[in-house]
Amino acid sequence: MKIRSEINKKKRFAVKVMYLGFAIFLFISILSIRYGKAMFSFLGFMGLVGLAIGIFGIIYPVYAIKCPKCKQGWGYMALYGGLFSIPKRVKFCPFCGHDVDAEF
C-alpha cells in the first residue's frame, strides 16, 4: 500500500465524520427551532452531540494522521490541499523524505 493512499484513507474518514456531525447539528437545530424546544431538551443535547462529532472530525486528522514509514504526525499538513486527499504536488514526507507514492 502506498503512503499517499493510507493518508488519503484517514483524511476521507475525518472529512466524512466532520460533515456527518455538522449535518446532525444543523438538522437538530432546525428541528429545535421549528418545534420550539429549549436548548437543554433532548433535541438540544443531540445537537450538541452532533457538534462534538463535527469538531472531532476536524481535530482527528491533526493528531492521528501519521506517515506510515516514520510515524511522524503530519498535523495540519494532512489538511492541506484537497478535500478528500492530499494534493498530487506533495511528493515526499516532510519528516523522513520518503516518496509518498512508493510502497511502504
PDB file of N, CA and C in Angstrom:
ATOM      1  N   MET A   1       0.840  -1.174   0.000  1.00  0.00           N
ATOM      2  CA  MET A   1       0.000   0.000   0.000  1.00  0.00           C
ATOM      3  C   MET A   1       0.888   1.241   0.000  1.00  0.00           C
ATOM      4  N   LYS A   2       0.460   2.251  -0.698  1.00  0.00           N
ATOM      5  CA  LYS A   2       1.231   3.487  -0.795  1.00  0.00           C
ATOM      6  C   LYS A   2       0.932   4.405   0.389  1.00  0.00           C
ATOM      7  N   ILE A   3       1.909   5.223   0.730  1.00  0.00           N
ATOM      8  CA  ILE A   3       1.747   6.175   1.825  1.00  0.00           C
ATOM      9  C   ILE A   3       0.612   7.144   1.496  1.00  0.00           C
ATOM     10  N   ARG A   4       0.548   7.597   0.259  1.00  0.00           N
ATOM     11  CA  ARG A   4      -0.494   8.536  -0.149  1.00  0.00           C
ATOM     12  C   ARG A   4      -1.882   7.939   0.070  1.00  0.00           C
ATOM     13  N   SER A   5      -2.068   6.693  -0.307  1.00  0.00           N
ATOM     14  CA  SER A   5      -3.387   6.073  -0.147  1.00  0.00           C
ATOM     15  C   SER A   5      -3.744   5.880   1.327  1.00  0.00           C
ATOM     16  N   GLU A   6      -2.764   5.573   2.145  1.00  0.00           N
ATOM     17  CA  GLU A   6      -3.005   5.432   3.592  1.00  0.00           C
ATOM     18  C   GLU A   6      -3.434   6.762   4.208  1.00  0.00           C
ATOM     19  N   ILE A   7      -2.734   7.829   3.865  1.00  0.00           N
ATOM     20  CA  ILE A   7      -3.073   9.160   4.393  1.00  0.00           C
ATOM     21  C   ILE A   7      -4.424   9.613   3.850  1.00  0.00           C
ATOM     22  N   ASN A   8      -4.670   9.375   2.572  1.00  0.00           N
ATOM     23  CA  ASN A   8      -5.955   9.768   1.979  1.00  0.00           C
ATOM     24  C   ASN A   8      -7.119   9.028   2.617  1.00  0.00           C
ATOM     25  N   LYS A   9      -6.922   7.755   2.965  1.00  0.00           N
ATOM     26  CA  LYS A   9      -7.980   6.972   3.605  1.00  0.00           C
ATOM     27  C   LYS A   9      -8.356   7.588   4.950  1.00  0.00           C
ATOM     28  N   LYS A  10      -7.357   7.964   5.732  1.00  0.00           N
ATOM     29  CA  LYS A  10      -7.625   8.583   7.032  1.00  0.00           C
ATOM     30  C   LYS A  10      -8.242   9.966   6.875  1.00  0.00           C
ATOM     31  N   LYS A  11      -7.794  10.700   5.863  1.00  0.00           N
ATOM     32  CA  LYS A  11      -8.345  12.035   5.636  1.00  0.00           C
ATOM     33  C   LYS A  11      -9.801  11.954   5.192  1.00  0.00           C
ATOM     34  N   ARG A  12     -10.138  11.005   4.321  1.00  0.00           N
ATOM     35  CA  ARG A  12     -11.522  10.831   3.894  1.00  0.00           C
ATOM     36  C   ARG A  12     -12.422  10.478   5.075  1.00  0.00           C
ATOM     37  N   PHE A  13     -11.930   9.609   5.965  1.00  0.00           N
ATOM     38  CA  PHE A  13     -12.706   9.259   7.155  1.00  0.00           C
ATOM     39  C   PHE A  13     -12.984  10.503   7.998  1.00  0.00           C
ATOM     40  N   ALA A  14     -11.970  11.323   8.212  1.00  0.00           N
ATOM     41  CA  ALA A  14     -12.123  12.516   9.033  1.00  0.00           C
ATOM     42  C   ALA A  14     -13.112  13.504   8.417  1.00  0.00           C
ATOM     43  N   VAL A  15     -13.048  13.683   7.110  1.00  0.00           N
ATOM     44  CA  VAL A  15     -13.956  14.614   6.447  1.00  0.00           C
ATOM     45  C   VAL A  15     -15.390  14.098   6.503  1.00  0.00           C
ATOM     46  N   LYS A  16     -15.578  12.804   6.321  1.00  0.00           N
ATOM     47  CA  LYS A  16     -16.919  12.226   6.408  1.00  0.00           C
ATOM     48  C   LYS A  16     -17.501  12.394   7.801  1.00  0.00           C
ATOM     49  N   VAL A  17     -16.692  12.153   8.829  1.00  0.00           N
ATOM     50  CA  VAL A  17     -17.144  12.324  10.215  1.00  0.00           C
ATOM     51  C   VAL A  17     -17.497  13.783  10.474  1.00  0.00           C
ATOM     52  N   MET A  18     -16.662  14.702   9.986  1.00  0.00           N
ATOM     53  CA  MET A  18     -16.913  16.122  10.188  1.00  0.00           C
ATOM     54  C   MET A  18     -18.245  16.524   9.547  1.00  0.00           C
ATOM     55  N   TYR A  19     -18.461  16.143   8.292  1.00  0.00           N
ATOM     56  CA  TYR A  19     -19.707  16.506   7.622  1.00  0.00           C
ATOM     57  C   TYR A  19     -20.916  15.850   8.271  1.00  0.00           C
ATOM     58  N   LEU A  20     -20.785  14.607   8.695  1.00  0.00           N
ATOM     59  CA  LEU A  20     -21.884  13.928   9.372  1.00  0.00           C
ATOM     60  C   LEU A  20     -22.244  14.661  10.664  1.00  0.00           C
ATOM     61  N   GLY A  21     -21.250  15.007  11.458  1.00  0.00           N
ATOM     62  CA  GLY A  21     -21.506  15.704  12.717  1.00  0.00           C
ATOM     63  C   GLY A  21     -22.166  17.050  12.516  1.00  0.00           C
ATOM     64  N   PHE A  22     -21.683  17.830  11.562  1.00  0.00           N
ATOM     65  CA  PHE A  22     -22.276  19.137  11.323  1.00  0.00           C
ATOM     66  C   PHE A  22     -23.658  19.024  10.687  1.00  0.00           C
ATOM     67  N   ALA A  23     -23.894  17.964   9.891  1.00  0.00           N
ATOM     68  CA  ALA A  23     -25.232  17.746   9.334  1.00  0.00           C
ATOM     69  C   ALA A  23     -26.223  17.400  10.448  1.00  0.00           C
ATOM     70  N   ILE A  24     -25.796  16.570  11.384  1.00  0.00           N
ATOM     71  CA  ILE A  24     -26.646  16.249  12.540  1.00  0.00           C
ATOM     72  C   ILE A  24     -26.951  17.511  13.322  1.00  0.00           C
ATOM     73  N   PHE A  25     -25.926  18.319  13.574  1.00  0.00           N
ATOM     74  CA  PHE A  25     -26.109  19.563  14.324  1.00  0.00           C
ATOM     75  C   PHE A  25     -27.094  20.489  13.612  1.00  0.00           C
ATOM     76  N   LEU A  26     -26.937  20.654  12.311  1.00  0.00           N
ATOM     77  CA  LEU A  26     -27.817  21.531  11.547  1.00  0.00           C
ATOM     78  C   LEU A  26     -29.250  21.002  11.533  1.00  0.00           C
ATOM     79  N   PHE A  27     -29.408  19.716  11.296  1.00  0.00           N
ATOM     80  CA  PHE A  27     -30.735  19.109  11.260  1.00  0.00           C
ATOM     81  C   PHE A  27     -31.440  19.247  12.603  1.00  0.00           C
ATOM     82  N   ILE A  28     -30.754  18.947  13.680  1.00  0.00           N
ATOM     83  CA  ILE A  28     -31.354  19.046  15.013  1.00  0.00           C
ATOM     84  C   ILE A  28     -31.646  20.497  15.361  1.00  0.00           C
ATOM     85  N   SER A  29     -30.779  21.411  14.946  1.00  0.00           N
ATOM     86  CA  SER A  29     -31.027  22.834  15.208  1.00  0.00           C
ATOM     87  C   SER A  29     -32.284  23.309  14.493  1.00  0.00           C
ATOM     88  N   ILE A  30     -32.466  22.878  13.257  1.00  0.00           N
ATOM     89  CA  ILE A  30     -33.677  23.255  12.520  1.00  0.00           C
ATOM     90  C   ILE A  30     -34.914  22.664  13.178  1.00  0.00           C
ATOM     91  N   LEU A  31     -34.823  21.399  13.602  1.00  0.00           N
ATOM     92  CA  LEU A  31     -35.956  20.789  14.309  1.00  0.00           C
ATOM     93  C   LEU A  31     -36.247  21.522  15.608  1.00  0.00           C
ATOM     94  N   SER A  32     -35.217  21.906  16.312  1.00  0.00           N
ATOM     95  CA  SER A  32     -35.381  22.590  17.584  1.00  0.00           C
ATOM     96  C   SER A  32     -36.049  23.948  17.394  1.00  0.00           C
ATOM     97  N   ILE A  33     -35.657  24.662  16.351  1.00  0.00           N
ATOM     98  CA  ILE A  33     -36.277  25.959  16.065  1.00  0.00           C
ATOM     99  C   ILE A  33     -37.724  25.759  15.614  1.00  0.00           C
ATOM    100  N   ARG A  34     -37.935  24.768  14.784  1.00  0.00           N
ATOM    101  CA  ARG A  34     -39.262  24.522  14.222  1.00  0.00           C
ATOM    102  C   ARG A  34     -40.278  24.166  15.298  1.00  0.00           C
ATOM    103  N   TYR A  35     -39.876  23.344  16.247  1.00  0.00           N
ATOM    104  CA  TYR A  35     -40.810  22.884  17.259  1.00  0.00           C
ATOM    105  C   TYR A  35     -40.675  23.614  18.587  1.00  0.00           C
ATOM    106  N   GLY A  36     -39.832  24.626  18.651  1.00  0.00           N
ATOM    107  CA  GLY A  36     -39.745  25.478  19.827  1.00  0.00           C
ATOM    108  C   GLY A  36     -39.209  24.813  21.076  1.00  0.00           C
ATOM    109  N   LYS A  37     -38.344  23.839  20.909  1.00  0.00           N
ATOM    110  CA  LYS A  37     -37.788  23.161  22.079  1.00  0.00           C
ATOM    111  C   LYS A  37     -36.685  24.019  22.701  1.00  0.00           C
ATOM    112  N   ALA A  38     -36.515  23.886  23.987  1.00  0.00           N
ATOM    113  CA  ALA A  38     -35.458  24.604  24.692  1.00  0.00           C
ATOM    114  C   ALA A  38     -34.102  23.996  24.372  1.00  0.00           C
ATOM    115  N   MET A  39     -33.050  24.757  24.565  1.00  0.00           N
ATOM    116  CA  MET A  39     -31.702  24.303  24.236  1.00  0.00           C
ATOM    117  C   MET A  39     -31.301  23.089  25.079  1.00  0.00           C
ATOM    118  N   PHE A  40     -31.813  22.987  26.283  1.00  0.00           N
ATOM    119  CA  PHE A  40     -31.395  21.904  27.166  1.00  0.00           C
ATOM    120  C   PHE A  40     -32.356  20.713  27.123  1.00  0.00           C
ATOM    121  N   SER A  41     -33.161  20.648  26.096  1.00  0.00           N
ATOM    122  CA  SER A  41     -34.027  19.492  25.917  1.00  0.00           C
ATOM    123  C   SER A  41     -33.233  18.366  25.254  1.00  0.00           C
ATOM    124  N   PHE A  42     -33.918  17.285  24.964  1.00  0.00           N
ATOM    125  CA  PHE A  42     -33.261  16.159  24.302  1.00  0.00           C
ATOM    126  C   PHE A  42     -32.739  16.568  22.929  1.00  0.00           C
ATOM    127  N   LEU A  43     -33.502  17.358  22.183  1.00  0.00           N
ATOM    128  CA  LEU A  43     -33.036  17.818  20.875  1.00  0.00           C
ATOM    129  C   LEU A  43     -31.801  18.697  21.009  1.00  0.00           C
ATOM    130  N   GLY A  44     -31.794  19.534  22.020  1.00  0.00           N
ATOM    131  CA  GLY A  44     -30.618  20.369  22.247  1.00  0.00           C
ATOM    132  C   GLY A  44     -29.391  19.543  22.571  1.00  0.00           C
ATOM    133  N   PHE A  45     -29.581  18.510  23.366  1.00  0.00           N
ATOM    134  CA  PHE A  45     -28.472  17.614  23.695  1.00  0.00           C
ATOM    135  C   PHE A  45     -27.964  16.896  22.458  1.00  0.00           C
ATOM    136  N   MET A  46     -28.871  16.411  21.624  1.00  0.00           N
ATOM    137  CA  MET A  46     -28.456  15.717  20.403  1.00  0.00           C
ATOM    138  C   MET A  46     -27.750  16.664  19.436  1.00  0.00           C
ATOM    139  N   GLY A  47     -28.173  17.923  19.413  1.00  0.00           N
ATOM    140  CA  GLY A  47     -27.482  18.910  18.589  1.00  0.00           C
ATOM    141  C   GLY A  47     -26.056  19.123  19.054  1.00  0.00           C
ATOM    142  N   LEU A  48     -25.863  19.155  20.367  1.00  0.00           N
ATOM    143  CA  LEU A  48     -24.510  19.304  20.906  1.00  0.00           C
ATOM    144  C   LEU A  48     -23.657  18.069  20.632  1.00  0.00           C
ATOM    145  N   VAL A  49     -24.283  16.894  20.634  1.00  0.00           N
ATOM    146  CA  VAL A  49     -23.559  15.667  20.280  1.00  0.00           C
ATOM    147  C   VAL A  49     -23.102  15.742  18.827  1.00  0.00           C
ATOM    148  N   GLY A  50     -23.972  16.207  17.940  1.00  0.00           N
ATOM    149  CA  GLY A  50     -23.603  16.371  16.536  1.00  0.00           C
ATOM    150  C   GLY A  50     -22.471  17.373  16.370  1.00  0.00           C
ATOM    151  N   LEU A  51     -22.514  18.455  17.127  1.00  0.00           N
ATOM    152  CA  LEU A  51     -21.437  19.450  17.080  1.00  0.00           C
ATOM    153  C   LEU A  51     -20.125  18.848  17.570  1.00  0.00           C
ATOM    154  N   ALA A  52     -20.176  18.049  18.621  1.00  0.00           N
ATOM    155  CA  ALA A  52     -18.968  17.406  19.138  1.00  0.00           C
ATOM    156  C   ALA A  52     -18.385  16.427  18.112  1.00  0.00           C
ATOM    157  N   ILE A  53     -19.244  15.697  17.403  1.00  0.00           N
ATOM    158  CA  ILE A  53     -18.766  14.781  16.367  1.00  0.00           C
ATOM    159  C   ILE A  53     -18.095  15.565  15.253  1.00  0.00           C
ATOM    160  N   GLY A  54     -18.680  16.692  14.864  1.00  0.00           N
ATOM    161  CA  GLY A  54     -18.081  17.530  13.820  1.00  0.00           C
ATOM    162  C   GLY A  54     -16.729  18.082  14.222  1.00  0.00           C
ATOM    163  N   ILE A  55     -16.615  18.517  15.451  1.00  0.00           N
ATOM    164  CA  ILE A  55     -15.335  19.046  15.939  1.00  0.00           C
ATOM    165  C   ILE A  55     -14.303  17.930  16.015  1.00  0.00           C
ATOM    166  N   PHE A  56     -14.729  16.735  16.401  1.00  0.00           N
ATOM    167  CA  PHE A  56     -13.821  15.591  16.399  1.00  0.00           C
ATOM    168  C   PHE A  56     -13.286  15.335  14.997  1.00  0.00           C
ATOM    169  N   GLY A  57     -14.151  15.467  13.990  1.00  0.00           N
ATOM    170  CA  GLY A  57     -13.723  15.278  12.608  1.00  0.00           C
ATOM    171  C   GLY A  57     -12.692  16.299  12.158  1.00  0.00           C
ATOM    172  N   ILE A  58     -12.670  17.462  12.781  1.00  0.00           N
ATOM    173  CA  ILE A  58     -11.670  18.475  12.461  1.00  0.00           C
ATOM    174  C   ILE A  58     -10.367  18.201  13.205  1.00  0.00           C
ATOM    175  N   ILE A  59     -10.462  17.791  14.464  1.00  0.00           N
ATOM    176  CA  ILE A  59      -9.273  17.607  15.290  1.00  0.00           C
ATOM    177  C   ILE A  59      -8.572  16.276  15.006  1.00  0.00           C
ATOM    178  N   TYR A  60      -9.317  15.247  14.635  1.00  0.00           N
ATOM    179  CA  TYR A  60      -8.757  13.912  14.405  1.00  0.00           C
ATOM    180  C   TYR A  60      -7.568  13.904  13.448  1.00  0.00           C
ATOM    181  N   PRO A  61      -7.664  14.515  12.262  1.00  0.00           N
ATOM    182  CA  PRO A  61      -6.519  14.417  11.344  1.00  0.00           C
ATOM    183  C   PRO A  61      -5.274  15.129  11.842  1.00  0.00           C
ATOM    184  N   VAL A  62      -5.452  16.124  12.668  1.00  0.00           N
ATOM    185  CA  VAL A  62      -4.290  16.859  13.167  1.00  0.00           C
ATOM    186  C   VAL A  62      -3.396  15.962  14.015  1.00  0.00           C
ATOM    187  N   TYR A  63      -3.993  15.070  14.778  1.00  0.00           N
ATOM    188  CA  TYR A  63      -3.221  14.225  15.681  1.00  0.00           C
ATOM    189  C   TYR A  63      -3.075  12.774  15.213  1.00  0.00           C
ATOM    190  N   ALA A  64      -3.983  12.288  14.381  1.00  0.00           N
ATOM    191  CA  ALA A  64      -3.991  10.859  14.057  1.00  0.00           C
ATOM    192  C   ALA A  64      -3.365  10.506  12.721  1.00  0.00           C
ATOM    193  N   ILE A  65      -3.247  11.450  11.809  1.00  0.00           N
ATOM    194  CA  ILE A  65      -2.681  11.120  10.502  1.00  0.00           C
ATOM    195  C   ILE A  65      -1.167  11.213  10.605  1.00  0.00           C
ATOM    196  N   LYS A  66      -0.537  10.063  10.426  1.00  0.00           N
ATOM    197  CA  LYS A  66       0.918   9.966  10.540  1.00  0.00           C
ATOM    198  C   LYS A  66       1.482   9.265   9.325  1.00  0.00           C
ATOM    199  N   CYS A  67       2.740   9.526   9.053  1.00  0.00           N
ATOM    200  CA  CYS A  67       3.438   8.828   7.978  1.00  0.00           C
ATOM    201  C   CYS A  67       3.602   7.371   8.411  1.00  0.00           C
ATOM    202  N   PRO A  68       3.157   6.416   7.606  1.00  0.00           N
ATOM    203  CA  PRO A  68       3.309   5.012   7.993  1.00  0.00           C
ATOM    204  C   PRO A  68       4.769   4.559   8.045  1.00  0.00           C
ATOM    205  N   LYS A  69       5.640   5.279   7.391  1.00  0.00           N
ATOM    206  CA  LYS A  69       7.053   4.904   7.347  1.00  0.00           C
ATOM    207  C   LYS A  69       7.793   5.369   8.605  1.00  0.00           C
ATOM    208  N   CYS A  70       7.695   6.677   8.937  1.00  0.00           N
ATOM    209  CA  CYS A  70       8.471   7.217  10.060  1.00  0.00           C
ATOM    210  C   CYS A  70       7.631   7.485  11.305  1.00  0.00           C
ATOM    211  N   LYS A  71       6.314   7.342  11.191  1.00  0.00           N
ATOM    212  CA  LYS A  71       5.381   7.516  12.310  1.00  0.00           C
ATOM    213  C   LYS A  71       5.336   8.942  12.853  1.00  0.00           C
ATOM    214  N   GLN A  72       5.763   9.917  12.066  1.00  0.00           N
ATOM    215  CA  GLN A  72       5.677  11.315  12.463  1.00  0.00           C
ATOM    216  C   GLN A  72       4.310  11.861  12.050  1.00  0.00           C
ATOM    217  N   GLY A  73       3.713  12.654  12.935  1.00  0.00           N
ATOM    218  CA  GLY A  73       2.399  13.223  12.644  1.00  0.00           C
ATOM    219  C   GLY A  73       2.466  14.313  11.594  1.00  0.00           C
ATOM    220  N   TRP A  74       1.559  14.261  10.651  1.00  0.00           N
ATOM    221  CA  TRP A  74       1.521  15.278   9.598  1.00  0.00           C
ATOM    222  C   TRP A  74       0.808  16.530  10.069  1.00  0.00           C
ATOM    223  N   GLY A  75       0.004  16.435  11.094  1.00  0.00           N
ATOM    224  CA  GLY A  75      -0.677  17.600  11.641  1.00  0.00           C
ATOM    225  C   GLY A  75      -1.505  18.327  10.600  1.00  0.00           C
ATOM    226  N   TYR A  76      -1.336  19.639  10.539  1.00  0.00           N
ATOM    227  CA  TYR A  76      -2.119  20.444   9.610  1.00  0.00           C
ATOM    228  C   TYR A  76      -1.726  20.209   8.160  1.00  0.00           C
ATOM    229  N   MET A  77      -0.559  19.622   7.927  1.00  0.00           N
ATOM    230  CA  MET A  77      -0.157  19.321   6.544  1.00  0.00           C
ATOM    231  C   MET A  77      -1.101  18.309   5.913  1.00  0.00           C
ATOM    232  N   ALA A  78      -1.689  17.443   6.724  1.00  0.00           N
ATOM    233  CA  ALA A  78      -2.634  16.464   6.199  1.00  0.00           C
ATOM    234  C   ALA A  78      -3.914  17.147   5.717  1.00  0.00           C
ATOM    235  N   LEU A  79      -4.246  18.281   6.296  1.00  0.00           N
ATOM    236  CA  LEU A  79      -5.451  19.004   5.909  1.00  0.00           C
ATOM    237  C   LEU A  79      -5.226  19.918   4.717  1.00  0.00           C
ATOM    238  N   TYR A  80      -3.989  20.098   4.334  1.00  0.00           N
ATOM    239  CA  TYR A  80      -3.631  20.985   3.234  1.00  0.00           C
ATOM    240  C   TYR A  80      -4.159  20.435   1.920  1.00  0.00           C
ATOM    241  N   GLY A  81      -4.635  21.309   1.069  1.00  0.00           N
ATOM    242  CA  GLY A  81      -4.986  20.903  -0.289  1.00  0.00           C
ATOM    243  C   GLY A  81      -6.414  20.452  -0.435  1.00  0.00           C
ATOM    244  N   GLY A  82      -6.595  19.351  -1.130  1.00  0.00           N
ATOM    245  CA  GLY A  82      -7.919  18.858  -1.490  1.00  0.00           C
ATOM    246  C   GLY A  82      -8.774  18.464  -0.303  1.00  0.00           C
ATOM    247  N   LEU A  83     -10.047  18.299  -0.569  1.00  0.00           N
ATOM    248  CA  LEU A  83     -10.990  17.983   0.488  1.00  0.00           C
ATOM    249  C   LEU A  83     -10.867  16.544   0.973  1.00  0.00           C
ATOM    250  N   PHE A  84     -10.715  15.593   0.045  1.00  0.00           N
ATOM    251  CA  PHE A  84     -10.677  14.195   0.420  1.00  0.00           C
ATOM    252  C   PHE A  84      -9.301  13.549   0.252  1.00  0.00           C
ATOM    253  N   SER A  85      -8.320  14.304  -0.217  1.00  0.00           N
ATOM    254  CA  SER A  85      -6.993  13.720  -0.429  1.00  0.00           C
ATOM    255  C   SER A  85      -5.930  14.811  -0.353  1.00  0.00           C
ATOM    256  N   ILE A  86      -4.711  14.367  -0.145  1.00  0.00           N
ATOM    257  CA  ILE A  86      -3.613  15.326  -0.179  1.00  0.00           C
ATOM    258  C   ILE A  86      -3.303  15.629  -1.641  1.00  0.00           C
ATOM    259  N   PRO A  87      -2.813  16.828  -1.941  1.00  0.00           N
ATOM    260  CA  PRO A  87      -2.590  17.198  -3.344  1.00  0.00           C
ATOM    261  C   PRO A  87      -1.522  16.333  -4.014  1.00  0.00           C
ATOM    262  N   LYS A  88      -1.625  16.228  -5.315  1.00  0.00           N
ATOM    263  CA  LYS A  88      -0.646  15.455  -6.090  1.00  0.00           C
ATOM    264  C   LYS A  88       0.735  16.098  -6.053  1.00  0.00           C
ATOM    265  N   ARG A  89       0.803  17.395  -5.794  1.00  0.00           N
ATOM    266  CA  ARG A  89       2.119  18.054  -5.778  1.00  0.00           C
ATOM    267  C   ARG A  89       2.920  17.740  -4.512  1.00  0.00           C
ATOM    268  N   VAL A  90       2.282  17.134  -3.504  1.00  0.00           N
ATOM    269  CA  VAL A  90       3.021  16.661  -2.333  1.00  0.00           C
ATOM    270  C   VAL A  90       3.658  15.337  -2.730  1.00  0.00           C
ATOM    271  N   LYS A  91       4.965  15.326  -2.809  1.00  0.00           N
ATOM    272  CA  LYS A  91       5.682  14.152  -3.320  1.00  0.00           C
ATOM    273  C   LYS A  91       6.428  13.368  -2.240  1.00  0.00           C
ATOM    274  N   PHE A  92       6.775  14.039  -1.131  1.00  0.00           N
ATOM    275  CA  PHE A  92       7.609  13.402  -0.114  1.00  0.00           C
ATOM    276  C   PHE A  92       7.070  13.699   1.274  1.00  0.00           C
ATOM    277  N   CYS A  93       7.330  12.783   2.204  1.00  0.00           N
ATOM    278  CA  CYS A  93       7.020  13.024   3.611  1.00  0.00           C
ATOM    279  C   CYS A  93       7.925  14.153   4.086  1.00  0.00           C
ATOM    280  N   PRO A  94       7.393  15.157   4.756  1.00  0.00           N
ATOM    281  CA  PRO A  94       8.227  16.276   5.190  1.00  0.00           C
ATOM    282  C   PRO A  94       9.217  15.907   6.293  1.00  0.00           C
ATOM    283  N   PHE A  95       9.057  14.766   6.923  1.00  0.00           N
ATOM    284  CA  PHE A  95       9.934  14.391   8.023  1.00  0.00           C
ATOM    285  C   PHE A  95      11.012  13.395   7.608  1.00  0.00           C
ATOM    286  N   CYS A  96      10.613  12.327   6.920  1.00  0.00           N
ATOM    287  CA  CYS A  96      11.598  11.306   6.560  1.00  0.00           C
ATOM    288  C   CYS A  96      12.037  11.409   5.103  1.00  0.00           C
ATOM    289  N   GLY A  97      11.339  12.197   4.294  1.00  0.00           N
ATOM    290  CA  GLY A  97      11.709  12.372   2.905  1.00  0.00           C
ATOM    291  C   GLY A  97      11.338  11.195   2.018  1.00  0.00           C
ATOM    292  N   HIS A  98      10.580  10.253   2.520  1.00  0.00           N
ATOM    293  CA  HIS A  98      10.182   9.078   1.742  1.00  0.00           C
ATOM    294  C   HIS A  98       9.134   9.495   0.716  1.00  0.00           C
ATOM    295  N   ASP A  99       9.230   8.917  -0.460  1.00  0.00           N
ATOM    296  CA  ASP A  99       8.271   9.193  -1.528  1.00  0.00           C
ATOM    297  C   ASP A  99       6.890   8.698  -1.118  1.00  0.00           C
ATOM    298  N   VAL A 100       5.870   9.582  -1.182  1.00  0.00           N
ATOM    299  CA  VAL A 100       4.540   9.181  -0.750  1.00  0.00           C
ATOM    300  C   VAL A 100       3.831   8.300  -1.773  1.00  0.00           C
ATOM    301  N   ASP A 101       4.372   8.208  -2.982  1.00  0.00           N
ATOM    302  CA  ASP A 101       3.791   7.330  -3.995  1.00  0.00           C
ATOM    303  C   ASP A 101       4.464   5.969  -4.062  1.00  0.00           C
ATOM    304  N   ALA A 102       5.414   5.724  -3.178  1.00  0.00           N
ATOM    305  CA  ALA A 102       6.097   4.430  -3.132  1.00  0.00           C
ATOM    306  C   ALA A 102       5.423   3.529  -2.095  1.00  0.00           C
ATOM    307  N   GLU A 103       5.628   2.247  -2.240  1.00  0.00           N
ATOM    308  CA  GLU A 103       5.119   1.291  -1.262  1.00  0.00           C
ATOM    309  C   GLU A 103       5.898   1.454   0.038  1.00  0.00           C
ATOM    310  N   PHE A 104       5.215   1.215   1.160  1.00  0.00           N
ATOM    311  CA  PHE A 104       5.935   1.305   2.445  1.00  0.00           C
ATOM    312  C   PHE A 104       6.108  -0.048   3.078  1.00  0.00           C
TER     313      PHE A 104
END
